[in-house]
PDB file of all heavy atoms in Angstrom:
ATOM      1  N   ALA A   1      -3.943 -35.139  -1.260  1.00  0.00           N
ATOM      2  CA  ALA A   1      -2.649 -35.122  -0.566  1.00  0.00           C
ATOM      3  C   ALA A   1      -1.740 -34.028  -1.073  1.00  0.00           C
ATOM      4  O   ALA A   1      -1.057 -33.412  -0.225  1.00  0.00           O
ATOM      5  CB  ALA A   1      -1.913 -36.533  -0.754  1.00  0.00           C
ATOM      6  N   GLY A   2      -1.783 -33.783  -2.321  1.00  0.00           N
ATOM      7  CA  GLY A   2      -1.001 -32.634  -2.854  1.00  0.00           C
ATOM      8  C   GLY A   2      -1.501 -31.287  -2.392  1.00  0.00           C
ATOM      9  O   GLY A   2      -0.674 -30.392  -2.026  1.00  0.00           O
ATOM     10  N   LEU A   3      -2.828 -31.143  -2.339  1.00  0.00           N
ATOM     11  CA  LEU A   3      -3.375 -29.897  -1.855  1.00  0.00           C
ATOM     12  C   LEU A   3      -2.923 -29.626  -0.425  1.00  0.00           C
ATOM     13  O   LEU A   3      -2.524 -28.556  -0.017  1.00  0.00           O
ATOM     14  CB  LEU A   3      -4.896 -29.941  -1.924  1.00  0.00           C
ATOM     15  CG  LEU A   3      -5.510 -29.908  -3.353  1.00  0.00           C
ATOM     16  CD1 LEU A   3      -7.018 -30.134  -3.221  1.00  0.00           C
ATOM     17  CD2 LEU A   3      -5.227 -28.565  -4.052  1.00  0.00           C
ATOM     18  N   ALA A   4      -3.119 -30.625   0.455  1.00  0.00           N
ATOM     19  CA  ALA A   4      -2.704 -30.519   1.882  1.00  0.00           C
ATOM     20  C   ALA A   4      -1.212 -30.205   1.985  1.00  0.00           C
ATOM     21  O   ALA A   4      -0.794 -29.401   2.840  1.00  0.00           O
ATOM     22  CB  ALA A   4      -3.044 -31.823   2.630  1.00  0.00           C
ATOM     23  N   ALA A   5      -0.413 -30.840   1.176  1.00  0.00           N
ATOM     24  CA  ALA A   5       1.020 -30.664   1.274  1.00  0.00           C
ATOM     25  C   ALA A   5       1.447 -29.190   0.893  1.00  0.00           C
ATOM     26  O   ALA A   5       2.248 -28.566   1.573  1.00  0.00           O
ATOM     27  CB  ALA A   5       1.767 -31.661   0.365  1.00  0.00           C
ATOM     28  N   ILE A   6       0.842 -28.711  -0.128  1.00  0.00           N
ATOM     29  CA  ILE A   6       1.144 -27.316  -0.637  1.00  0.00           C
ATOM     30  C   ILE A   6       0.651 -26.308   0.410  1.00  0.00           C
ATOM     31  O   ILE A   6       1.308 -25.289   0.705  1.00  0.00           O
ATOM     32  CB  ILE A   6       0.597 -27.025  -2.015  1.00  0.00           C
ATOM     33  CG1 ILE A   6       1.274 -27.994  -3.046  1.00  0.00           C
ATOM     34  CG2 ILE A   6       0.815 -25.615  -2.369  1.00  0.00           C
ATOM     35  CD1 ILE A   6       0.649 -27.939  -4.407  1.00  0.00           C
ATOM     36  N   GLN A   7      -0.501 -26.544   0.976  1.00  0.00           N
ATOM     37  CA  GLN A   7      -0.972 -25.677   2.041  1.00  0.00           C
ATOM     38  C   GLN A   7      -0.058 -25.648   3.235  1.00  0.00           C
ATOM     39  O   GLN A   7       0.264 -24.591   3.784  1.00  0.00           O
ATOM     40  CB  GLN A   7      -2.401 -26.111   2.482  1.00  0.00           C
ATOM     41  CG  GLN A   7      -3.527 -25.836   1.465  1.00  0.00           C
ATOM     42  CD  GLN A   7      -4.850 -26.487   1.770  1.00  0.00           C
ATOM     43  OE1 GLN A   7      -4.858 -27.581   2.277  1.00  0.00           O
ATOM     44  NE2 GLN A   7      -5.905 -25.844   1.392  1.00  0.00           N
ATOM     45  N   LYS A   8       0.505 -26.839   3.649  1.00  0.00           N
ATOM     46  CA  LYS A   8       1.378 -26.899   4.699  1.00  0.00           C
ATOM     47  C   LYS A   8       2.714 -26.158   4.304  1.00  0.00           C
ATOM     48  O   LYS A   8       3.251 -25.474   5.199  1.00  0.00           O
ATOM     49  CB  LYS A   8       1.727 -28.322   5.039  1.00  0.00           C
ATOM     50  CG  LYS A   8       2.526 -28.564   6.277  1.00  0.00           C
ATOM     51  CD  LYS A   8       2.555 -30.042   6.656  1.00  0.00           C
ATOM     52  CE  LYS A   8       3.305 -30.304   7.986  1.00  0.00           C
ATOM     53  NZ  LYS A   8       4.792 -30.136   7.828  1.00  0.00           N
ATOM     54  N   LEU A   9       3.197 -26.349   3.137  1.00  0.00           N
ATOM     55  CA  LEU A   9       4.407 -25.659   2.688  1.00  0.00           C
ATOM     56  C   LEU A   9       4.205 -24.087   2.766  1.00  0.00           C
ATOM     57  O   LEU A   9       5.137 -23.407   3.158  1.00  0.00           O
ATOM     58  CB  LEU A   9       4.741 -26.064   1.269  1.00  0.00           C
ATOM     59  CG  LEU A   9       5.273 -27.492   1.040  1.00  0.00           C
ATOM     60  CD1 LEU A   9       5.447 -27.752  -0.438  1.00  0.00           C
ATOM     61  CD2 LEU A   9       6.570 -27.653   1.817  1.00  0.00           C
ATOM     62  N   GLY A  10       2.971 -23.699   2.403  1.00  0.00           N
ATOM     63  CA  GLY A  10       2.738 -22.283   2.471  1.00  0.00           C
ATOM     64  C   GLY A  10       2.761 -21.734   3.886  1.00  0.00           C
ATOM     65  O   GLY A  10       3.376 -20.683   4.147  1.00  0.00           O
ATOM     66  N   ARG A  11       2.133 -22.459   4.742  1.00  0.00           N
ATOM     67  CA  ARG A  11       2.128 -22.013   6.202  1.00  0.00           C
ATOM     68  C   ARG A  11       3.519 -21.988   6.781  1.00  0.00           C
ATOM     69  O   ARG A  11       3.847 -21.078   7.592  1.00  0.00           O
ATOM     70  CB  ARG A  11       1.240 -23.020   7.033  1.00  0.00           C
ATOM     71  CG  ARG A  11      -0.217 -22.912   6.776  1.00  0.00           C
ATOM     72  CD  ARG A  11      -1.052 -23.693   7.877  1.00  0.00           C
ATOM     73  NE  ARG A  11      -0.689 -25.071   7.971  1.00  0.00           N
ATOM     74  CZ  ARG A  11      -1.318 -26.024   7.209  1.00  0.00           C
ATOM     75  NH1 ARG A  11      -2.290 -25.723   6.377  1.00  0.00           N
ATOM     76  NH2 ARG A  11      -0.979 -27.310   7.332  1.00  0.00           N
ATOM     77  N   GLU A  12       4.374 -22.897   6.362  1.00  0.00           N
ATOM     78  CA  GLU A  12       5.696 -23.026   6.975  1.00  0.00           C
ATOM     79  C   GLU A  12       6.740 -22.172   6.255  1.00  0.00           C
ATOM     80  O   GLU A  12       7.804 -21.922   6.830  1.00  0.00           O
ATOM     81  CB  GLU A  12       6.160 -24.493   6.948  1.00  0.00           C
ATOM     82  CG  GLU A  12       5.346 -25.445   7.824  1.00  0.00           C
ATOM     83  CD  GLU A  12       5.756 -26.870   7.652  1.00  0.00           C
ATOM     84  OE1 GLU A  12       6.545 -27.171   6.711  1.00  0.00           O
ATOM     85  OE2 GLU A  12       5.292 -27.702   8.514  1.00  0.00           O
ATOM     86  N   ASN A  13       6.399 -21.634   5.097  1.00  0.00           N
ATOM     87  CA  ASN A  13       7.407 -20.917   4.344  1.00  0.00           C
ATOM     88  C   ASN A  13       6.921 -19.548   3.867  1.00  0.00           C
ATOM     89  O   ASN A  13       7.563 -18.936   2.958  1.00  0.00           O
ATOM     90  CB  ASN A  13       7.834 -21.801   3.099  1.00  0.00           C
ATOM     91  CG  ASN A  13       8.591 -23.037   3.529  1.00  0.00           C
ATOM     92  OD1 ASN A  13       9.761 -23.010   3.875  1.00  0.00           O
ATOM     93  ND2 ASN A  13       7.840 -24.101   3.635  1.00  0.00           N
ATOM     94  N   GLY A  14       5.899 -19.024   4.427  1.00  0.00           N
ATOM     95  CA  GLY A  14       5.583 -17.618   4.224  1.00  0.00           C
ATOM     96  C   GLY A  14       4.858 -17.253   2.879  1.00  0.00           C
ATOM     97  O   GLY A  14       5.065 -16.191   2.331  1.00  0.00           O
ATOM     98  N   PHE A  15       3.994 -18.168   2.395  1.00  0.00           N
ATOM     99  CA  PHE A  15       3.135 -17.726   1.283  1.00  0.00           C
ATOM    100  C   PHE A  15       1.781 -18.301   1.479  1.00  0.00           C
ATOM    101  O   PHE A  15       1.543 -19.355   2.040  1.00  0.00           O
ATOM    102  CB  PHE A  15       3.724 -18.164  -0.058  1.00  0.00           C
ATOM    103  CG  PHE A  15       3.961 -19.637  -0.233  1.00  0.00           C
ATOM    104  CD1 PHE A  15       2.939 -20.456  -0.746  1.00  0.00           C
ATOM    105  CD2 PHE A  15       5.216 -20.205   0.046  1.00  0.00           C
ATOM    106  CE1 PHE A  15       3.212 -21.836  -0.899  1.00  0.00           C
ATOM    107  CE2 PHE A  15       5.473 -21.578  -0.120  1.00  0.00           C
ATOM    108  CZ  PHE A  15       4.477 -22.354  -0.564  1.00  0.00           C
ATOM    109  N   GLY A  16       0.739 -17.553   1.002  1.00  0.00           N
ATOM    110  CA  GLY A  16      -0.638 -17.956   1.129  1.00  0.00           C
ATOM    111  C   GLY A  16      -1.001 -18.965   0.046  1.00  0.00           C
ATOM    112  O   GLY A  16      -0.434 -18.942  -1.015  1.00  0.00           O
ATOM    113  N   VAL A  17      -1.961 -19.789   0.337  1.00  0.00           N
ATOM    114  CA  VAL A  17      -2.413 -20.813  -0.661  1.00  0.00           C
ATOM    115  C   VAL A  17      -3.944 -20.826  -0.674  1.00  0.00           C
ATOM    116  O   VAL A  17      -4.582 -21.029   0.338  1.00  0.00           O
ATOM    117  CB  VAL A  17      -1.893 -22.202  -0.220  1.00  0.00           C
ATOM    118  CG1 VAL A  17      -2.394 -23.281  -1.253  1.00  0.00           C
ATOM    119  CG2 VAL A  17      -0.385 -22.197  -0.160  1.00  0.00           C
ATOM    120  N   ASP A  18      -4.454 -20.593  -1.864  1.00  0.00           N
ATOM    121  CA  ASP A  18      -5.910 -20.793  -2.179  1.00  0.00           C
ATOM    122  C   ASP A  18      -5.956 -22.047  -3.113  1.00  0.00           C
ATOM    123  O   ASP A  18      -5.095 -22.212  -3.944  1.00  0.00           O
ATOM    124  CB  ASP A  18      -6.518 -19.615  -2.811  1.00  0.00           C
ATOM    125  CG  ASP A  18      -6.729 -18.438  -1.804  1.00  0.00           C
ATOM    126  OD1 ASP A  18      -6.678 -18.665  -0.588  1.00  0.00           O
ATOM    127  OD2 ASP A  18      -6.884 -17.276  -2.282  1.00  0.00           O
ATOM    128  N   THR A  19      -7.031 -22.769  -3.014  1.00  0.00           N
ATOM    129  CA  THR A  19      -7.221 -23.935  -3.952  1.00  0.00           C
ATOM    130  C   THR A  19      -8.573 -23.885  -4.561  1.00  0.00           C
ATOM    131  O   THR A  19      -9.564 -23.397  -4.008  1.00  0.00           O
ATOM    132  CB  THR A  19      -7.105 -25.244  -3.156  1.00  0.00           C
ATOM    133  OG1 THR A  19      -8.191 -25.405  -2.269  1.00  0.00           O
ATOM    134  CG2 THR A  19      -5.790 -25.292  -2.344  1.00  0.00           C
ATOM    135  N   THR A  20      -8.686 -24.342  -5.860  1.00  0.00           N
ATOM    136  CA  THR A  20      -9.931 -24.413  -6.489  1.00  0.00           C
ATOM    137  C   THR A  20      -9.881 -25.310  -7.750  1.00  0.00           C
ATOM    138  O   THR A  20      -8.800 -25.608  -8.295  1.00  0.00           O
ATOM    139  CB  THR A  20     -10.305 -22.980  -7.059  1.00  0.00           C
ATOM    140  OG1 THR A  20     -11.662 -22.995  -7.579  1.00  0.00           O
ATOM    141  CG2 THR A  20      -9.372 -22.566  -8.223  1.00  0.00           C
ATOM    142  N   LYS A  21     -11.002 -25.949  -8.019  1.00  0.00           N
ATOM    143  CA  LYS A  21     -11.164 -26.659  -9.273  1.00  0.00           C
ATOM    144  C   LYS A  21     -12.140 -25.966 -10.249  1.00  0.00           C
ATOM    145  O   LYS A  21     -12.541 -26.489 -11.254  1.00  0.00           O
ATOM    146  CB  LYS A  21     -11.598 -28.100  -9.021  1.00  0.00           C
ATOM    147  CG  LYS A  21     -12.983 -28.236  -8.330  1.00  0.00           C
ATOM    148  CD  LYS A  21     -13.269 -29.746  -8.069  1.00  0.00           C
ATOM    149  CE  LYS A  21     -14.566 -29.884  -7.348  1.00  0.00           C
ATOM    150  NZ  LYS A  21     -14.954 -31.300  -7.177  1.00  0.00           N
ATOM    151  N   ASN A  22     -12.451 -24.742  -9.837  1.00  0.00           N
ATOM    152  CA  ASN A  22     -13.397 -23.905 -10.664  1.00  0.00           C
ATOM    153  C   ASN A  22     -12.636 -22.989 -11.552  1.00  0.00           C
ATOM    154  O   ASN A  22     -12.037 -21.991 -11.143  1.00  0.00           O
ATOM    155  CB  ASN A  22     -14.305 -23.104  -9.693  1.00  0.00           C
ATOM    156  CG  ASN A  22     -15.417 -22.330 -10.470  1.00  0.00           C
ATOM    157  OD1 ASN A  22     -15.432 -22.379 -11.683  1.00  0.00           O
ATOM    158  ND2 ASN A  22     -16.310 -21.715  -9.687  1.00  0.00           N
ATOM    159  N   ALA A  23     -12.670 -23.207 -12.873  1.00  0.00           N
ATOM    160  CA  ALA A  23     -11.961 -22.450 -13.799  1.00  0.00           C
ATOM    161  C   ALA A  23     -12.464 -21.026 -13.932  1.00  0.00           C
ATOM    162  O   ALA A  23     -11.800 -20.120 -14.534  1.00  0.00           O
ATOM    163  CB  ALA A  23     -11.888 -23.148 -15.183  1.00  0.00           C
ATOM    164  N   GLU A  24     -13.621 -20.761 -13.412  1.00  0.00           N
ATOM    165  CA  GLU A  24     -14.235 -19.377 -13.471  1.00  0.00           C
ATOM    166  C   GLU A  24     -13.390 -18.368 -12.720  1.00  0.00           C
ATOM    167  O   GLU A  24     -13.571 -17.196 -12.946  1.00  0.00           O
ATOM    168  CB  GLU A  24     -15.645 -19.385 -12.988  1.00  0.00           C
ATOM    169  CG  GLU A  24     -16.656 -20.150 -13.924  1.00  0.00           C
ATOM    170  CD  GLU A  24     -18.089 -20.116 -13.436  1.00  0.00           C
ATOM    171  OE1 GLU A  24     -18.309 -19.415 -12.415  1.00  0.00           O
ATOM    172  OE2 GLU A  24     -18.885 -20.788 -14.026  1.00  0.00           O
ATOM    173  N   ILE A  25     -12.494 -18.790 -11.876  1.00  0.00           N
ATOM    174  CA  ILE A  25     -11.636 -17.884 -11.184  1.00  0.00           C
ATOM    175  C   ILE A  25     -10.574 -17.228 -12.096  1.00  0.00           C
ATOM    176  O   ILE A  25      -9.995 -16.190 -11.757  1.00  0.00           O
ATOM    177  CB  ILE A  25     -10.921 -18.592 -10.023  1.00  0.00           C
ATOM    178  CG1 ILE A  25     -10.400 -17.502  -9.001  1.00  0.00           C
ATOM    179  CG2 ILE A  25      -9.741 -19.459 -10.473  1.00  0.00           C
ATOM    180  CD1 ILE A  25      -9.864 -18.083  -7.712  1.00  0.00           C
ATOM    181  N   PHE A  26     -10.408 -17.786 -13.298  1.00  0.00           N
ATOM    182  CA  PHE A  26      -9.440 -17.281 -14.286  1.00  0.00           C
ATOM    183  C   PHE A  26      -9.996 -16.085 -15.033  1.00  0.00           C
ATOM    184  O   PHE A  26     -10.424 -16.175 -16.167  1.00  0.00           O
ATOM    185  CB  PHE A  26      -8.955 -18.393 -15.197  1.00  0.00           C
ATOM    186  CG  PHE A  26      -7.987 -19.306 -14.516  1.00  0.00           C
ATOM    187  CD1 PHE A  26      -8.443 -20.436 -13.820  1.00  0.00           C
ATOM    188  CD2 PHE A  26      -6.631 -19.081 -14.586  1.00  0.00           C
ATOM    189  CE1 PHE A  26      -7.584 -21.227 -13.137  1.00  0.00           C
ATOM    190  CE2 PHE A  26      -5.780 -19.956 -13.957  1.00  0.00           C
ATOM    191  CZ  PHE A  26      -6.288 -21.067 -13.239  1.00  0.00           C
ATOM    192  N   THR A  27     -10.027 -14.981 -14.286  1.00  0.00           N
ATOM    193  CA  THR A  27     -10.347 -13.653 -14.847  1.00  0.00           C
ATOM    194  C   THR A  27      -9.190 -12.718 -14.465  1.00  0.00           C
ATOM    195  O   THR A  27      -8.476 -12.964 -13.484  1.00  0.00           O
ATOM    196  CB  THR A  27     -11.684 -13.086 -14.321  1.00  0.00           C
ATOM    197  OG1 THR A  27     -11.531 -12.809 -12.934  1.00  0.00           O
ATOM    198  CG2 THR A  27     -12.820 -14.103 -14.558  1.00  0.00           C
ATOM    199  N   SER A  28      -9.100 -11.651 -15.178  1.00  0.00           N
ATOM    200  CA  SER A  28      -7.964 -10.690 -14.888  1.00  0.00           C
ATOM    201  C   SER A  28      -8.065 -10.157 -13.529  1.00  0.00           C
ATOM    202  O   SER A  28      -7.068 -10.053 -12.775  1.00  0.00           O
ATOM    203  CB  SER A  28      -7.991  -9.551 -15.906  1.00  0.00           C
ATOM    204  OG  SER A  28      -7.701 -10.033 -17.214  1.00  0.00           O
ATOM    205  N   ASP A  29      -9.300  -9.837 -13.058  1.00  0.00           N
ATOM    206  CA  ASP A  29      -9.454  -9.284 -11.709  1.00  0.00           C
ATOM    207  C   ASP A  29      -9.140 -10.317 -10.596  1.00  0.00           C
ATOM    208  O   ASP A  29      -8.448 -10.022  -9.606  1.00  0.00           O
ATOM    209  CB  ASP A  29     -10.831  -8.742 -11.530  1.00  0.00           C
ATOM    210  CG  ASP A  29     -11.143  -7.473 -12.294  1.00  0.00           C
ATOM    211  OD1 ASP A  29     -10.071  -6.786 -12.621  1.00  0.00           O
ATOM    212  OD2 ASP A  29     -12.300  -7.085 -12.532  1.00  0.00           O
ATOM    213  N   SER A  30      -9.582 -11.520 -10.782  1.00  0.00           N
ATOM    214  CA  SER A  30      -9.394 -12.529  -9.793  1.00  0.00           C
ATOM    215  C   SER A  30      -7.932 -12.991  -9.641  1.00  0.00           C
ATOM    216  O   SER A  30      -7.464 -13.229  -8.568  1.00  0.00           O
ATOM    217  CB  SER A  30     -10.261 -13.801 -10.067  1.00  0.00           C
ATOM    218  OG  SER A  30     -11.651 -13.528  -9.954  1.00  0.00           O
ATOM    219  N   LEU A  31      -7.205 -12.942 -10.730  1.00  0.00           N
ATOM    220  CA  LEU A  31      -5.852 -13.411 -10.707  1.00  0.00           C
ATOM    221  C   LEU A  31      -4.871 -12.351 -10.169  1.00  0.00           C
ATOM    222  O   LEU A  31      -3.719 -12.663  -9.853  1.00  0.00           O
ATOM    223  CB  LEU A  31      -5.349 -13.811 -12.141  1.00  0.00           C
ATOM    224  CG  LEU A  31      -5.994 -15.040 -12.708  1.00  0.00           C
ATOM    225  CD1 LEU A  31      -5.579 -15.267 -14.122  1.00  0.00           C
ATOM    226  CD2 LEU A  31      -5.674 -16.279 -11.836  1.00  0.00           C
ATOM    227  N   LYS A  32      -5.312 -11.109 -10.013  1.00  0.00           N
ATOM    228  CA  LYS A  32      -4.482 -10.036  -9.513  1.00  0.00           C
ATOM    229  C   LYS A  32      -3.962 -10.316  -8.090  1.00  0.00           C
ATOM    230  O   LYS A  32      -2.919  -9.798  -7.753  1.00  0.00           O
ATOM    231  CB  LYS A  32      -5.239  -8.730  -9.568  1.00  0.00           C
ATOM    232  CG  LYS A  32      -5.375  -8.074 -10.910  1.00  0.00           C
ATOM    233  CD  LYS A  32      -6.131  -6.806 -10.861  1.00  0.00           C
ATOM    234  CE  LYS A  32      -6.306  -6.179 -12.227  1.00  0.00           C
ATOM    235  NZ  LYS A  32      -7.161  -4.975 -12.194  1.00  0.00           N
ATOM    236  N   LYS A  33      -4.686 -11.093  -7.321  1.00  0.00           N
ATOM    237  CA  LYS A  33      -4.295 -11.323  -5.986  1.00  0.00           C
ATOM    238  C   LYS A  33      -3.156 -12.364  -5.804  1.00  0.00           C
ATOM    239  O   LYS A  33      -2.648 -12.611  -4.710  1.00  0.00           O
ATOM    240  CB  LYS A  33      -5.503 -11.658  -5.118  1.00  0.00           C
ATOM    241  CG  LYS A  33      -6.108 -12.981  -5.441  1.00  0.00           C
ATOM    242  CD  LYS A  33      -7.344 -13.282  -4.580  1.00  0.00           C
ATOM    243  CE  LYS A  33      -6.911 -13.588  -3.159  1.00  0.00           C
ATOM    244  NZ  LYS A  33      -8.135 -14.115  -2.322  1.00  0.00           N
ATOM    245  N   TYR A  34      -2.811 -13.007  -6.937  1.00  0.00           N
ATOM    246  CA  TYR A  34      -1.889 -14.162  -6.840  1.00  0.00           C
ATOM    247  C   TYR A  34      -0.582 -13.768  -7.550  1.00  0.00           C
ATOM    248  O   TYR A  34      -0.500 -13.101  -8.557  1.00  0.00           O
ATOM    249  CB  TYR A  34      -2.423 -15.384  -7.479  1.00  0.00           C
ATOM    250  CG  TYR A  34      -3.726 -15.838  -6.803  1.00  0.00           C
ATOM    251  CD1 TYR A  34      -4.976 -15.676  -7.426  1.00  0.00           C
ATOM    252  CD2 TYR A  34      -3.697 -16.379  -5.547  1.00  0.00           C
ATOM    253  CE1 TYR A  34      -6.167 -16.003  -6.776  1.00  0.00           C
ATOM    254  CE2 TYR A  34      -4.908 -16.734  -4.901  1.00  0.00           C
ATOM    255  CZ  TYR A  34      -6.071 -16.536  -5.510  1.00  0.00           C
ATOM    256  OH  TYR A  34      -7.256 -16.887  -4.843  1.00  0.00           O
ATOM    257  N   LYS A  35       0.481 -14.261  -7.013  1.00  0.00           N
ATOM    258  CA  LYS A  35       1.866 -14.177  -7.614  1.00  0.00           C
ATOM    259  C   LYS A  35       2.115 -15.344  -8.511  1.00  0.00           C
ATOM    260  O   LYS A  35       2.912 -15.255  -9.468  1.00  0.00           O
ATOM    261  CB  LYS A  35       2.871 -14.108  -6.437  1.00  0.00           C
ATOM    262  CG  LYS A  35       4.313 -13.971  -6.880  1.00  0.00           C
ATOM    263  CD  LYS A  35       4.616 -12.609  -7.465  1.00  0.00           C
ATOM    264  CE  LYS A  35       6.063 -12.414  -7.741  1.00  0.00           C
ATOM    265  NZ  LYS A  35       6.348 -11.160  -8.451  1.00  0.00           N
ATOM    266  N   ALA A  36       1.487 -16.497  -8.286  1.00  0.00           N
ATOM    267  CA  ALA A  36       1.723 -17.693  -9.114  1.00  0.00           C
ATOM    268  C   ALA A  36       0.505 -18.587  -9.043  1.00  0.00           C
ATOM    269  O   ALA A  36      -0.286 -18.533  -8.120  1.00  0.00           O
ATOM    270  CB  ALA A  36       2.971 -18.451  -8.548  1.00  0.00           C
ATOM    271  N   VAL A  37       0.389 -19.469 -10.018  1.00  0.00           N
ATOM    272  CA  VAL A  37      -0.665 -20.485 -10.178  1.00  0.00           C
ATOM    273  C   VAL A  37       0.000 -21.811 -10.312  1.00  0.00           C
ATOM    274  O   VAL A  37       0.965 -22.055 -11.078  1.00  0.00           O
ATOM    275  CB  VAL A  37      -1.583 -20.231 -11.315  1.00  0.00           C
ATOM    276  CG1 VAL A  37      -2.593 -21.341 -11.475  1.00  0.00           C
ATOM    277  CG2 VAL A  37      -2.281 -18.877 -11.194  1.00  0.00           C
ATOM    278  N   VAL A  38      -0.426 -22.774  -9.534  1.00  0.00           N
ATOM    279  CA  VAL A  38       0.027 -24.206  -9.517  1.00  0.00           C
ATOM    280  C   VAL A  38      -1.026 -25.059 -10.205  1.00  0.00           C
ATOM    281  O   VAL A  38      -2.206 -24.983  -9.773  1.00  0.00           O
ATOM    282  CB  VAL A  38       0.309 -24.691  -8.166  1.00  0.00           C
ATOM    283  CG1 VAL A  38       0.792 -26.177  -8.206  1.00  0.00           C
ATOM    284  CG2 VAL A  38       1.358 -23.870  -7.393  1.00  0.00           C
TER     285      VAL A  38
END
């Protein structure tokens, strides 16, 4: 429910939302595309 809500907030308020439970995304290169992490 939280994932769906944040995705909807993004669509309605002008920010992109990616979701993952895979910690391997936490590399310097992968994080460059994001402004924030939730």
